[in-house]
Protein backbone atom coordinates (compact mmCIF):
# COMPACT_ATOMS: atom_id res chain seq x y z
CA MET A 1 119.16 126.95 275.01
CA LYS A 2 118.00 129.74 277.28
CA ILE A 3 117.43 133.16 275.74
CA LEU A 4 116.99 136.39 277.67
CA VAL A 5 114.60 138.83 275.98
CA ILE A 6 114.60 142.58 276.72
CA ASN A 7 111.97 145.07 275.50
CA PRO A 8 112.05 148.57 277.10
CA GLY A 9 108.97 150.77 276.82
CA SER A 10 108.16 154.31 277.91
CA THR A 11 107.06 153.37 281.45
CA SER A 12 108.11 149.72 281.72
CA THR A 13 110.75 147.17 280.78
CA LYS A 14 109.47 143.79 279.61
CA VAL A 15 111.77 140.87 280.36
CA ALA A 16 111.30 137.21 279.45
CA VAL A 17 113.23 133.97 279.60
CA PHE A 18 112.75 131.34 276.88
CA GLU A 19 114.00 127.76 276.75
CA ASP A 20 114.37 127.33 272.99
CA ASP A 21 110.91 128.38 271.71
CA LYS A 22 109.08 127.88 275.01
CA LEU A 23 108.39 130.76 277.38
CA LEU A 24 109.56 129.92 280.91
CA PHE A 25 108.44 133.17 282.55
CA ASP A 26 108.13 136.85 281.82
CA GLU A 27 107.41 140.05 283.68
CA THR A 28 106.57 143.67 282.90
CA LEU A 29 108.73 145.76 285.23
CA ARG A 30 106.92 149.08 285.78
CA HIS A 31 108.67 152.42 286.26
CA SER A 32 106.91 155.27 288.02
CA SER A 33 106.91 158.79 286.64
CA GLU A 34 108.83 159.85 289.76
CA GLN A 35 111.59 157.34 289.00
CA LEU A 36 111.90 158.46 285.38
CA LYS A 37 111.86 162.17 286.21
CA ALA A 38 115.39 161.78 287.57
CA PHE A 39 116.74 161.16 284.06
CA PRO A 40 117.21 163.97 281.54
CA ASP A 41 116.86 161.68 278.50
CA ILE A 42 116.29 158.10 277.43
CA PHE A 43 119.96 157.10 277.31
CA SER A 44 120.65 158.16 280.88
CA GLN A 45 118.20 155.42 282.01
CA GLN A 46 120.53 152.63 280.86
CA ASP A 47 122.09 151.68 284.21
CA PHE A 48 118.77 152.10 286.04
CA ARG A 49 117.00 149.64 283.73
CA LYS A 50 119.95 147.25 283.66
CA LYS A 51 119.86 146.97 287.46
CA ILE A 52 116.15 146.21 287.36
CA ILE A 53 116.84 143.37 284.90
CA HIS A 54 119.58 142.04 287.17
CA ASP A 55 117.13 142.09 290.08
CA PHE A 56 114.62 140.16 287.93
CA LEU A 57 117.22 137.50 287.15
CA SER A 58 118.29 137.22 290.79
CA LYS A 59 114.67 136.70 291.81
CA HIS A 60 114.55 133.71 289.46
CA ASN A 61 117.99 132.42 290.54
CA LEU A 62 119.50 133.04 287.11
CA LYS A 63 122.85 134.48 286.08
CA MET A 64 124.04 135.62 282.66
CA SER A 65 126.15 132.49 282.16
CA ASP A 66 122.90 130.47 282.11
CA PHE A 67 121.97 131.97 278.71
CA ALA A 68 122.98 131.13 275.16
CA GLY A 69 122.14 134.59 273.86
CA ILE A 70 120.23 137.82 274.42
CA ALA A 71 117.38 139.10 272.25
CA ALA A 72 116.78 142.86 272.35
CA ARG A 73 114.11 145.06 270.79
CA GLY A 74 115.38 147.06 267.84
CA GLY A 75 114.77 150.79 268.02
CA PRO A 76 114.02 153.33 265.27
CA LEU A 77 117.37 153.01 263.51
CA PRO A 78 118.45 154.06 260.01
CA PRO A 79 116.84 152.05 257.18
CA SER A 80 117.79 148.37 257.16
CA GLU A 81 116.66 145.04 255.78
CA GLY A 82 114.54 142.78 257.91
CA GLY A 83 116.19 140.02 259.88
CA THR A 84 118.24 139.38 262.99
CA TYR A 85 121.24 141.64 263.59
CA ILE A 86 124.15 141.02 265.89
CA VAL A 87 124.74 143.81 268.39
CA ASP A 88 128.21 144.96 267.41
CA GLU A 89 130.01 148.30 267.47
CA ASN A 90 128.36 149.47 264.24
CA LEU A 91 124.89 148.81 265.61
CA LEU A 92 125.72 150.42 268.94
CA PHE A 93 127.05 153.51 267.15
CA ALA A 94 123.83 153.75 265.11
CA THR A 95 121.76 153.28 268.24
CA ARG A 96 123.49 156.14 270.04
CA ASN A 97 123.97 158.54 267.14
CA LEU A 98 121.86 157.77 264.06
CA TYR A 99 118.43 156.99 265.48
CA VAL A 100 115.40 158.39 263.66
CA THR A 101 113.63 159.44 266.84
CA GLU A 102 114.40 159.02 270.54
CA HIS A 103 112.49 156.03 271.90
CA PRO A 104 113.05 153.71 274.92
CA SER A 105 113.47 150.71 272.60
CA LEU A 106 116.90 152.11 271.71
CA LEU A 107 118.04 151.14 275.20
CA ALA A 108 117.54 147.43 274.53
CA ALA A 109 120.68 146.92 272.43
CA LEU A 110 122.79 149.04 274.80
CA ILE A 111 121.64 147.09 277.86
CA ALA A 112 122.00 143.76 276.07
CA ALA A 113 125.57 144.60 275.09
CA ASP A 114 126.44 145.41 278.71
CA LEU A 115 124.82 142.24 280.03
CA GLY A 116 126.46 140.12 277.32
CA LYS A 117 129.93 141.28 278.35
CA GLU A 118 129.39 139.72 281.77
CA ALA A 119 129.34 136.20 280.32
CA ASN A 120 130.82 136.71 276.83
CA LEU A 121 127.37 136.34 275.24
CA LYS A 122 126.26 137.60 271.86
CA SER A 123 123.23 139.86 271.67
CA TYR A 124 120.82 140.43 268.79
CA ILE A 125 118.01 142.71 267.66
CA VAL A 126 115.21 141.43 265.43
CA ASP A 127 113.18 143.28 262.77
CA PRO A 128 113.30 146.86 264.13
CA VAL A 129 110.50 149.32 263.29
CA SER A 130 112.79 150.85 260.64
CA VAL A 131 112.89 147.70 258.47
CA ASP A 132 113.10 149.07 254.92
CA GLU A 133 112.86 146.71 251.95
CA TRP A 134 110.81 149.04 249.78
CA HIS A 135 111.23 149.38 246.05
CA GLU A 136 111.85 152.86 244.65
CA LEU A 137 108.25 153.52 243.63
CA SER A 138 107.09 153.17 247.25
CA ARG A 139 109.03 156.25 248.35
CA PHE A 140 107.42 158.95 246.22
CA SER A 141 104.89 161.09 248.08
CA GLY A 142 104.24 163.84 245.55
CA MET A 143 106.57 166.31 247.28
CA PRO A 144 110.35 165.72 247.00
CA GLU A 145 110.95 167.28 250.42
CA LEU A 146 108.63 164.71 252.04
CA PRO A 147 109.52 161.21 250.87
CA ARG A 148 107.51 158.31 252.26
CA ILE A 149 109.56 156.40 254.83
CA SER A 150 109.33 152.86 256.13
CA LEU A 151 108.31 152.78 259.80
CA SER A 152 105.91 150.01 260.75
CA HIS A 153 105.05 147.22 263.20
CA ALA A 154 107.69 145.15 261.40
CA LEU A 155 108.57 142.84 264.31
CA ASN A 156 105.03 141.56 264.73
CA MET A 157 104.11 141.61 261.05
CA ARG A 158 107.14 139.64 259.91
CA ALA A 159 106.61 137.16 262.75
CA VAL A 160 102.98 136.74 261.64
CA ALA A 161 104.14 136.35 258.03
CA ARG A 162 106.46 133.52 259.06
CA ARG A 163 103.69 131.91 261.09
CA THR A 164 101.32 132.14 258.13
CA ALA A 165 103.91 130.52 255.88
CA ARG A 166 104.47 127.74 258.42
CA ASP A 167 100.73 127.08 258.66
CA LEU A 168 100.53 126.93 254.87
CA GLY A 169 103.42 124.47 254.74
CA LYS A 170 105.57 126.94 252.83
CA LYS A 171 108.59 129.15 253.37
CA TYR A 172 108.10 132.88 253.96
CA GLU A 173 110.38 133.49 250.98
CA GLU A 174 107.99 131.56 248.69
CA LEU A 175 104.84 133.60 249.37
CA ASN A 176 103.15 136.90 248.62
CA LEU A 177 101.28 138.06 251.73
CA ILE A 178 99.35 141.04 253.05
CA ILE A 179 99.81 141.42 256.81
CA ILE A 180 97.43 143.64 258.80
CA HIS A 181 98.39 144.80 262.30
CA LEU A 182 95.43 146.16 264.26
CA GLY A 183 96.53 147.89 267.46
CA GLY A 184 96.79 151.37 268.94
CA GLY A 185 98.39 152.09 265.57
CA ILE A 186 97.46 150.23 262.39
CA SER A 187 99.93 148.95 259.79
CA VAL A 188 99.04 147.19 256.55
CA SER A 189 101.99 145.75 254.65
CA ALA A 190 102.78 143.93 251.41
CA HIS A 191 105.28 141.07 251.62
CA GLU A 192 106.77 139.71 248.40
CA LYS A 193 108.85 136.56 248.65
CA GLY A 194 110.17 137.28 252.14
CA ARG A 195 110.53 141.06 251.83
CA GLN A 196 108.23 143.77 253.19
CA ILE A 197 108.11 145.94 250.06
CA ASP A 198 105.49 148.51 251.14
CA ALA A 199 103.42 149.56 254.14
CA ASN A 200 101.66 152.58 255.52
CA ASN A 201 103.48 154.51 258.24
CA ALA A 202 101.20 153.97 261.25
CA ASN A 203 102.18 157.37 262.69
CA GLU A 204 101.53 159.37 259.54
CA ASP A 205 99.26 157.78 256.96
CA GLY A 206 96.89 154.94 256.19
CA PRO A 207 93.77 154.10 258.23
CA PHE A 208 92.92 155.98 261.39
CA SER A 209 93.29 153.87 264.51
CA PRO A 210 92.24 154.02 268.18
CA GLU A 211 94.81 156.78 268.84
CA ARG A 212 96.18 157.99 265.48
CA THR A 213 94.66 160.02 262.67
CA GLY A 214 96.17 158.22 259.71
CA THR A 215 96.01 160.11 256.42
CA LEU A 216 94.46 163.58 256.73
CA PRO A 217 93.14 166.13 254.19
CA VAL A 218 96.28 168.16 253.48
CA SER A 219 94.95 171.70 252.91
CA PRO A 220 92.77 171.81 256.04
CA LEU A 221 95.67 170.34 258.06
CA VAL A 222 98.03 173.07 256.86
CA LYS A 223 95.46 175.74 257.76
CA LEU A 224 95.03 174.21 261.21
CA CYS A 225 98.80 174.26 261.77
CA PHE A 226 98.91 177.99 260.97
CA SER A 227 95.74 178.89 262.85
CA GLY A 228 97.67 179.86 265.97
CA LYS A 229 95.49 177.56 268.09
CA TYR A 230 98.05 174.80 268.56
CA SER A 231 101.75 174.42 269.30
CA LEU A 232 103.92 172.03 267.32
CA GLN A 233 103.87 169.50 270.17
CA LYS A 234 100.09 169.73 270.50
CA MET A 235 99.66 169.08 266.78
CA LYS A 236 101.89 166.03 267.06
CA ASN A 237 99.82 164.78 270.00
CA LEU A 238 96.59 165.34 268.07
CA ILE A 239 97.92 163.21 265.23
CA VAL A 240 99.59 160.36 267.13
CA ARG A 241 98.08 160.14 270.63
CA GLU A 242 94.75 161.96 270.55
CA GLY A 243 93.57 161.23 267.02
CA GLY A 244 91.41 158.59 265.39
CA MET A 245 88.79 156.94 267.55
CA THR A 246 90.01 158.89 270.59
CA ALA A 247 89.25 162.20 268.85
CA TYR A 248 85.76 161.08 267.86
CA LEU A 249 84.67 159.24 271.02
CA GLY A 250 87.02 160.37 273.78
CA ILE A 251 88.18 156.79 274.43
CA ASN A 252 90.98 154.66 273.00
CA ASP A 253 89.67 151.26 274.13
CA VAL A 254 88.02 149.37 271.26
CA LYS A 255 86.19 147.10 273.71
CA GLU A 256 84.54 150.14 275.30
CA ALA A 257 83.67 151.55 271.89
CA LEU A 258 82.08 148.22 270.94
CA LYS A 259 79.99 148.28 274.12
CA LEU A 260 78.74 151.73 273.16
CA ALA A 261 77.98 150.61 269.62
CA ASP A 262 76.17 147.47 270.78
CA SER A 263 74.07 149.54 273.18
CA GLY A 264 72.78 151.63 270.29
CA ASP A 265 75.31 154.49 270.14
CA GLN A 266 75.24 155.24 266.41
CA LYS A 267 78.31 157.48 266.50
CA ALA A 268 80.41 154.73 268.05
CA ARG A 269 79.13 152.29 265.46
CA SER A 270 79.96 154.66 262.59
CA VAL A 271 83.47 155.35 263.90
CA LEU A 272 84.29 151.66 264.28
CA ASP A 273 82.82 150.77 260.89
CA SER A 274 84.75 153.61 259.24
CA MET A 275 88.02 152.50 260.85
CA ILE A 276 87.58 148.99 259.47
CA TYR A 277 86.47 150.43 256.12
CA GLN A 278 89.76 152.34 255.91
CA VAL A 279 91.75 149.24 256.84
CA ALA A 280 90.02 147.39 254.00
CA LYS A 281 90.88 150.19 251.55
CA GLU A 282 94.53 150.07 252.63
CA THR A 283 94.48 146.30 252.10
CA GLY A 284 93.26 146.90 248.56
CA LYS A 285 96.22 149.22 247.96
CA MET A 286 98.64 146.50 249.05
CA ALA A 287 96.86 144.04 246.75
CA VAL A 288 97.71 146.37 243.87
CA VAL A 289 101.34 146.52 245.05
CA LEU A 290 101.44 142.71 244.76
CA LYS A 291 99.64 142.84 241.37
CA GLY A 292 96.82 140.74 242.80
CA LYS A 293 99.09 137.73 243.37
CA ILE A 294 98.24 137.04 247.01
CA ASP A 295 98.73 133.72 248.79
CA ALA A 296 97.09 134.86 252.03
CA ILE A 297 96.02 137.86 254.09
CA ALA A 298 96.84 137.65 257.81
CA VAL A 299 95.18 139.81 260.46
CA SER A 300 96.89 140.30 263.84
CA GLY A 301 97.10 142.70 266.78
CA GLY A 302 94.93 143.31 269.82
CA ILE A 303 91.87 144.46 267.85
CA ALA A 304 91.86 141.09 266.04
CA TYR A 305 90.40 139.55 269.21
CA ASN A 306 87.13 141.34 268.38
CA GLU A 307 85.35 138.83 266.17
CA SER A 308 82.63 141.26 265.08
CA LEU A 309 85.16 143.75 263.68
CA VAL A 310 87.20 141.01 262.02
CA LYS A 311 83.99 139.73 260.41
CA ILE A 312 83.30 143.16 258.91
CA LEU A 313 86.88 143.36 257.63
CA ARG A 314 86.81 139.84 256.23
CA GLU A 315 83.63 140.56 254.26
CA ARG A 316 85.37 143.44 252.49
CA ILE A 317 88.74 141.81 251.71
CA GLU A 318 88.33 138.06 251.38
CA PHE A 319 87.72 138.36 247.62
CA LEU A 320 91.41 139.32 247.40
CA GLY A 321 92.67 136.10 248.98
CA PRO A 322 92.22 133.69 251.89
CA VAL A 323 92.10 135.48 255.26
CA ARG A 324 93.80 134.06 258.36
CA VAL A 325 93.47 135.59 261.82
CA TYR A 326 96.17 135.56 264.52
CA PRO A 327 94.88 137.73 267.38
CA GLY A 328 97.27 139.64 269.60
CA GLU A 329 100.95 140.35 269.22
CA ASP A 330 103.81 138.63 270.97
CA GLU A 331 106.89 140.76 270.53
CA MET A 332 108.81 138.80 273.16
CA GLU A 333 108.27 135.52 271.33
CA ALA A 334 109.16 137.12 267.99
CA LEU A 335 112.42 138.42 269.46
CA ALA A 336 113.23 135.03 270.99
CA LEU A 337 112.46 133.13 267.79
CA GLY A 338 114.56 135.46 265.66
CA THR A 339 117.52 134.92 267.97
CA LEU A 340 116.86 131.17 268.18
CA ARG A 341 116.98 130.84 264.38
CA VAL A 342 120.49 132.32 264.46
CA LEU A 343 121.66 130.22 267.41
CA ARG A 344 120.42 127.07 265.66
CA GLY A 345 122.13 128.01 262.40
CA GLU A 346 118.83 128.29 260.52
CA GLU A 347 119.48 131.94 259.71
CA LYS A 348 122.65 133.99 259.51
CA ALA A 349 122.88 137.05 261.71
CA LYS A 350 123.37 140.26 259.80
CA ASN A 351 125.85 143.03 260.54
CA PHE A 352 124.34 146.49 260.71
CA ALA A 353 125.87 148.75 258.08
CA CYS A 354 125.19 152.47 258.32
CA LYS A 355 126.70 155.81 257.42
CA ALA A 356 126.04 159.29 258.73
CA ASP A 357 124.33 160.21 255.43
CA SER A 358 121.78 157.44 255.99
CA ILE A 359 119.98 159.59 258.58
CA ARG A 360 116.47 160.33 257.41
């Protein structure tokens, strides 16, 4: 069975074709700033990106009737359980009207629905960033007006959790796991018997990362916000795009930071060591969430390719449980596999249920 996979990003659209679980070919279709300037918002890019996907398929002599289904990236939707969701009218309504924040990934379901109509194909999204399977205690922040919310690298982390279970000869639903995603943002999550019951929000709390601040001292942050030095947008950029390692070293590339550290730059070394130190602390928090009953800890994401950093992390956390390392992240494969499980009857597709009062 051929599966078409669609994953729109801010300046590109990733497209892939899978034959069952095997990648046939993929491509990252780049969009220039000049092209995107013509569109007033994300949703107005729908037809533009759909045409580019059609051109990609034509180049490979494929038509929509060649596919058994379409896998689309899930955007920041209202809270939902993990799993694979069929793209139906409820999900399309939520995508257009109830999204948490505007992001290009929202286009995936809309484009997939359009493409599916051409050949009467069903489309699916898999484990969107808004996967929410938290228990009540996870949501308290200390201020009722600011509840903790579930936004994480759920697609990759749940895929890694399933891979860990497979490698252990178990089912995901049988295990307690801690999954660590090390990328431009860092997520550390607790998985209890097939449910992601807690995680840091990589945009707002937890460890600092190559581009994000993670948890900050609250009082100094409030003073900075009211200092008159920064606009709201600038503060957001400082937290999400210009924070963490970027703020300390002026670079967001961990490989470059490692080169500096290995050449004797003590500041670079301290920043990298502190980042890993904070990841280890967050891992300890998730161990408490699971009451110390941990079958495995899995480390993934682009930073996991750096053996020296993984070694430092392993030394701090391996007393909690066996550590497995799966470098990189393959969102396209995770999307394809989630759809394939449904097409094979191994998993039942869910219907997205949402109400207007579910908006965060």
